[in-house]
């Protein structure tokens, strides 16, 4: 039998830090990752960095580059469109179920309201990493209020890619406020118990984000 790894928590922490750096574009698409340099910056040995990079490689977030090296993968506009098509269906279902359960789940309502309130405090100084985290927290609050664990289990493997795509549009100051205005509409319908309106606005929100992301990625490709 293979011996157990003694550093699972450290590997998870290193993985989370690298993922955050990829998501907020501290590590840019196409950028080569030097394991020794990354280990020094994180204050750890190469072992947990190597483990974390191999996890990211399995998820398609980094690719092999040169001898025992990695680089950050490019975002594929077509793949992002496909992910948002699926996410739109999942988010619409989650919003409908959340609206149907809102009256009977006080804790879930409070979680959603807290996530919306936190997002309402963003301004021009809010970092991209913070914006992404707030956005994820809002949608996870809806998934939890929906009361169907399969929803979050289904979307969870795609969150790393979704977080990267969020950075594409959330980096634009104009979209930050409009995204949270859309969040407020979704939450209002959910908390009012209006299942059809919640479903409709959640789907429209995902479709808008997906379209904007694909457009910006294709524009970046054309300009390269």
Protein backbone atom coordinates (compact mmCIF):
# COMPACT_ATOMS: atom_id res chain seq x y z
CA UNK A 1 0.00 0.00 0.00
CA UNK A 2 1.14 3.58 -0.71
CA UNK A 3 2.06 5.46 2.50
CA UNK A 4 -0.28 8.29 3.45
CA UNK A 5 0.89 11.80 2.63
CA UNK A 6 1.75 13.57 5.91
CA UNK A 7 0.96 17.04 4.52
CA UNK A 8 -2.62 17.02 3.22
CA UNK A 9 -3.60 20.30 4.89
CA UNK A 10 -0.51 22.09 3.62
CA UNK A 11 -1.09 20.79 0.10
CA UNK A 12 -4.68 22.05 0.25
CA UNK A 13 -3.47 25.48 1.38
CA UNK A 14 -0.86 25.68 -1.38
CA UNK A 15 -3.43 24.51 -3.94
CA UNK A 16 -5.87 27.21 -2.79
CA UNK A 17 -3.20 29.93 -3.03
CA UNK A 18 -2.11 28.93 -6.52
CA UNK A 19 -5.73 28.61 -7.66
CA UNK A 20 -6.46 32.09 -6.31
CA UNK A 21 -3.42 33.47 -8.16
CA UNK A 22 -4.60 31.84 -11.40
CA UNK A 23 -8.19 33.05 -10.88
CA UNK A 24 -7.31 36.69 -10.19
CA UNK A 25 -4.63 36.63 -12.90
CA UNK A 26 -1.68 37.18 -10.59
CA UNK A 27 -0.47 34.18 -12.59
CA UNK A 28 -1.39 35.07 -16.17
CA UNK A 29 -2.54 32.63 -18.87
CA UNK A 30 0.55 31.23 -20.57
CA UNK A 31 2.83 32.19 -17.69
CA UNK A 32 5.43 29.59 -16.79
CA UNK A 33 5.41 28.46 -13.18
CA UNK A 34 8.77 27.94 -11.53
CA UNK A 35 8.28 25.57 -8.63
CA UNK A 36 11.31 26.72 -6.64
CA UNK A 37 10.32 30.37 -6.94
CA UNK A 38 6.71 29.61 -6.03
CA UNK A 39 7.78 27.55 -3.02
CA UNK A 40 9.96 30.43 -1.80
CA UNK A 41 7.13 32.94 -2.19
CA UNK A 42 4.75 30.70 -0.23
CA UNK A 43 7.35 29.81 2.40
CA UNK A 44 7.08 26.06 1.86
CA UNK A 45 9.16 23.27 0.38
CA UNK A 46 8.82 22.12 -3.24
CA UNK A 47 6.90 18.97 -2.24
CA UNK A 48 3.49 20.54 -1.49
CA UNK A 49 3.88 22.88 -4.48
CA UNK A 50 4.54 19.90 -6.75
CA UNK A 51 1.50 18.04 -5.36
CA UNK A 52 -0.72 21.11 -5.78
CA UNK A 53 0.42 21.69 -9.36
CA UNK A 54 -0.35 18.11 -10.28
CA UNK A 55 -3.88 18.56 -8.87
CA UNK A 56 -4.27 21.72 -10.94
CA UNK A 57 -2.94 19.85 -13.98
CA UNK A 58 -5.65 17.22 -13.62
CA UNK A 59 -8.25 20.00 -13.63
CA UNK A 60 -6.81 21.55 -16.77
CA UNK A 61 -5.72 24.76 -15.04
CA UNK A 62 -2.03 24.26 -15.73
CA UNK A 63 -0.28 22.34 -18.49
CA UNK A 64 3.11 20.67 -18.70
CA UNK A 65 5.78 22.97 -20.07
CA UNK A 66 9.34 21.89 -20.65
CA UNK A 67 11.19 19.52 -18.38
CA UNK A 68 9.14 18.95 -15.22
CA UNK A 69 7.60 22.40 -15.57
CA UNK A 70 4.10 23.86 -15.83
CA UNK A 71 2.40 26.91 -17.27
CA UNK A 72 -1.05 28.43 -16.75
CA UNK A 73 -3.48 27.29 -19.43
CA UNK A 74 -5.34 29.69 -21.69
CA UNK A 75 -9.09 30.15 -21.26
CA UNK A 76 -10.96 28.58 -24.20
CA UNK A 77 -13.94 30.77 -25.25
CA UNK A 78 -15.89 27.80 -26.62
CA UNK A 79 -15.35 25.82 -23.43
CA UNK A 80 -16.45 28.77 -21.31
CA UNK A 81 -19.64 29.07 -23.36
CA UNK A 82 -20.34 25.38 -22.76
CA UNK A 83 -19.76 25.73 -19.02
CA UNK A 84 -22.11 28.69 -18.77
CA UNK A 85 -24.81 26.84 -20.70
CA UNK A 86 -24.68 24.13 -18.05
CA UNK A 87 -24.36 26.59 -15.21
CA UNK A 88 -27.37 28.53 -16.46
CA UNK A 89 -29.54 25.43 -16.20
CA UNK A 90 -28.18 24.58 -12.75
CA UNK A 91 -28.51 28.13 -11.42
CA UNK A 92 -32.07 28.41 -12.73
CA UNK A 93 -33.02 25.16 -10.99
CA UNK A 94 -31.29 26.23 -7.77
CA UNK A 95 -33.05 29.60 -7.74
CA UNK A 96 -36.47 28.00 -8.29
CA UNK A 97 -35.95 25.45 -5.52
CA UNK A 98 -34.55 28.12 -3.19
CA UNK A 99 -37.63 30.29 -3.73
CA UNK A 100 -39.88 27.33 -2.95
CA UNK A 101 -38.00 26.66 0.31
CA UNK A 102 -37.24 30.23 1.40
CA UNK A 103 -40.25 30.59 3.70
CA UNK A 104 -39.34 27.48 5.68
CA UNK A 105 -35.55 27.92 5.94
CA UNK A 106 -34.68 30.89 8.15
CA UNK A 107 -30.98 30.03 8.27
CA UNK A 108 -30.82 29.75 4.49
CA UNK A 109 -32.57 33.10 4.06
CA UNK A 110 -30.13 34.72 6.48
CA UNK A 111 -27.15 33.22 4.63
CA UNK A 112 -28.39 34.56 1.31
CA UNK A 113 -29.15 37.99 2.77
CA UNK A 114 -25.68 38.13 4.35
CA UNK A 115 -24.02 37.23 1.04
CA UNK A 116 -26.02 39.92 -0.76
CA UNK A 117 -25.17 42.51 1.90
CA UNK A 118 -21.46 41.69 1.68
CA UNK A 119 -21.57 42.14 -2.09
CA UNK A 120 -23.28 45.48 -1.68
CA UNK A 121 -20.18 46.87 0.01
CA UNK A 122 -17.88 46.50 -2.99
CA UNK A 123 -16.27 49.59 -4.47
CA UNK A 124 -13.44 50.56 -6.80
CA UNK A 125 -10.86 49.43 -4.24
CA UNK A 126 -12.24 45.88 -3.86
CA UNK A 127 -9.64 43.45 -5.15
CA UNK A 128 -10.39 40.98 -7.90
CA UNK A 129 -9.80 38.07 -5.52
CA UNK A 130 -12.35 39.53 -3.09
CA UNK A 131 -14.87 40.11 -5.89
CA UNK A 132 -14.59 36.50 -7.03
CA UNK A 133 -14.95 35.18 -3.46
CA UNK A 134 -18.05 37.33 -2.84
CA UNK A 135 -19.62 36.19 -6.12
CA UNK A 136 -18.99 32.53 -5.31
CA UNK A 137 -20.41 32.97 -1.78
CA UNK A 138 -23.62 34.46 -3.18
CA UNK A 139 -24.26 31.61 -5.58
CA UNK A 140 -23.34 29.00 -2.99
CA UNK A 141 -25.88 30.54 -0.62
CA UNK A 142 -28.55 29.94 -3.27
CA UNK A 143 -27.38 26.36 -3.82
CA UNK A 144 -27.59 25.68 -0.09
CA UNK A 145 -31.02 27.28 0.24
CA UNK A 146 -32.21 25.09 -2.65
CA UNK A 147 -31.89 22.12 -0.32
CA UNK A 148 -30.56 19.73 -2.96
CA UNK A 149 -26.92 18.76 -2.26
CA UNK A 150 -26.57 17.32 -5.77
CA UNK A 151 -26.64 20.85 -7.17
CA UNK A 152 -23.47 21.98 -5.42
CA UNK A 153 -21.85 18.57 -5.91
CA UNK A 154 -22.45 18.87 -9.64
CA UNK A 155 -21.12 22.41 -10.02
CA UNK A 156 -18.21 22.09 -7.55
CA UNK A 157 -15.69 20.54 -10.02
CA UNK A 158 -16.28 23.46 -12.39
CA UNK A 159 -15.81 26.25 -9.84
CA UNK A 160 -12.06 26.64 -10.51
CA UNK A 161 -12.81 27.30 -14.20
CA UNK A 162 -15.78 29.51 -13.36
CA UNK A 163 -13.65 31.58 -11.00
CA UNK A 164 -11.17 32.18 -13.80
CA UNK A 165 -13.95 33.25 -16.15
CA UNK A 166 -15.40 35.59 -13.50
CA UNK A 167 -12.15 37.52 -13.45
CA UNK A 168 -12.58 38.29 -17.15
CA UNK A 169 -15.73 40.37 -16.57
CA UNK A 170 -15.36 41.40 -12.91
CA UNK A 171 -12.11 43.18 -13.74
CA UNK A 172 -14.28 45.74 -15.54
CA UNK A 173 -15.56 48.37 -13.12
CA UNK A 174 -18.85 48.91 -14.96
CA UNK A 175 -19.88 45.25 -14.73
CA UNK A 176 -19.17 44.96 -11.00
CA UNK A 177 -22.20 47.03 -10.01
CA UNK A 178 -24.49 45.60 -12.69
CA UNK A 179 -23.60 42.05 -11.64
CA UNK A 180 -24.65 42.78 -8.08
CA UNK A 181 -27.80 44.53 -9.26
CA UNK A 182 -28.67 41.27 -11.02
CA UNK A 183 -27.81 39.36 -7.84
CA UNK A 184 -30.17 41.63 -5.88
CA UNK A 185 -33.01 40.89 -8.34
CA UNK A 186 -32.43 37.13 -8.04
CA UNK A 187 -32.33 37.29 -4.24
CA UNK A 188 -35.46 39.45 -4.06
CA UNK A 189 -37.46 36.92 -6.08
CA UNK A 190 -36.12 34.03 -4.01
CA UNK A 191 -36.89 35.69 -0.68
CA UNK A 192 -40.37 36.64 -1.93
CA UNK A 193 -41.01 33.02 -2.85
CA UNK A 194 -41.50 33.85 -6.53
CA UNK A 195 -40.08 30.67 -8.03
CA UNK A 196 -40.72 31.42 -11.72
CA UNK A 197 -39.18 34.91 -11.55
CA UNK A 198 -36.20 33.60 -9.57
CA UNK A 199 -35.63 30.89 -12.16
CA UNK A 200 -35.91 33.37 -15.04
CA UNK A 201 -33.56 35.99 -13.58
CA UNK A 202 -30.96 33.40 -12.53
CA UNK A 203 -30.87 31.98 -16.05
CA UNK A 204 -30.61 35.45 -17.60
CA UNK A 205 -27.74 36.35 -15.23
CA UNK A 206 -25.74 33.26 -16.20
CA UNK A 207 -26.43 33.84 -19.90
CA UNK A 208 -25.27 37.46 -19.69
CA UNK A 209 -22.08 36.54 -17.82
CA UNK A 210 -21.33 33.73 -20.26
CA UNK A 211 -21.88 35.90 -23.31
CA UNK A 212 -19.75 38.74 -21.95
CA UNK A 213 -16.95 36.39 -20.98
CA UNK A 214 -16.87 34.67 -24.35
CA UNK A 215 -16.90 38.02 -26.19
CA UNK A 216 -13.97 39.37 -24.18
CA UNK A 217 -11.94 36.22 -24.56
CA UNK A 218 -12.47 36.20 -28.33
CA UNK A 219 -11.54 39.90 -28.50
CA UNK A 220 -8.35 39.16 -26.58
CA UNK A 221 -7.53 36.32 -28.99
CA UNK A 222 -8.11 38.56 -32.00
CA UNK A 223 -5.88 41.26 -30.57
CA UNK A 224 -3.03 38.86 -29.81
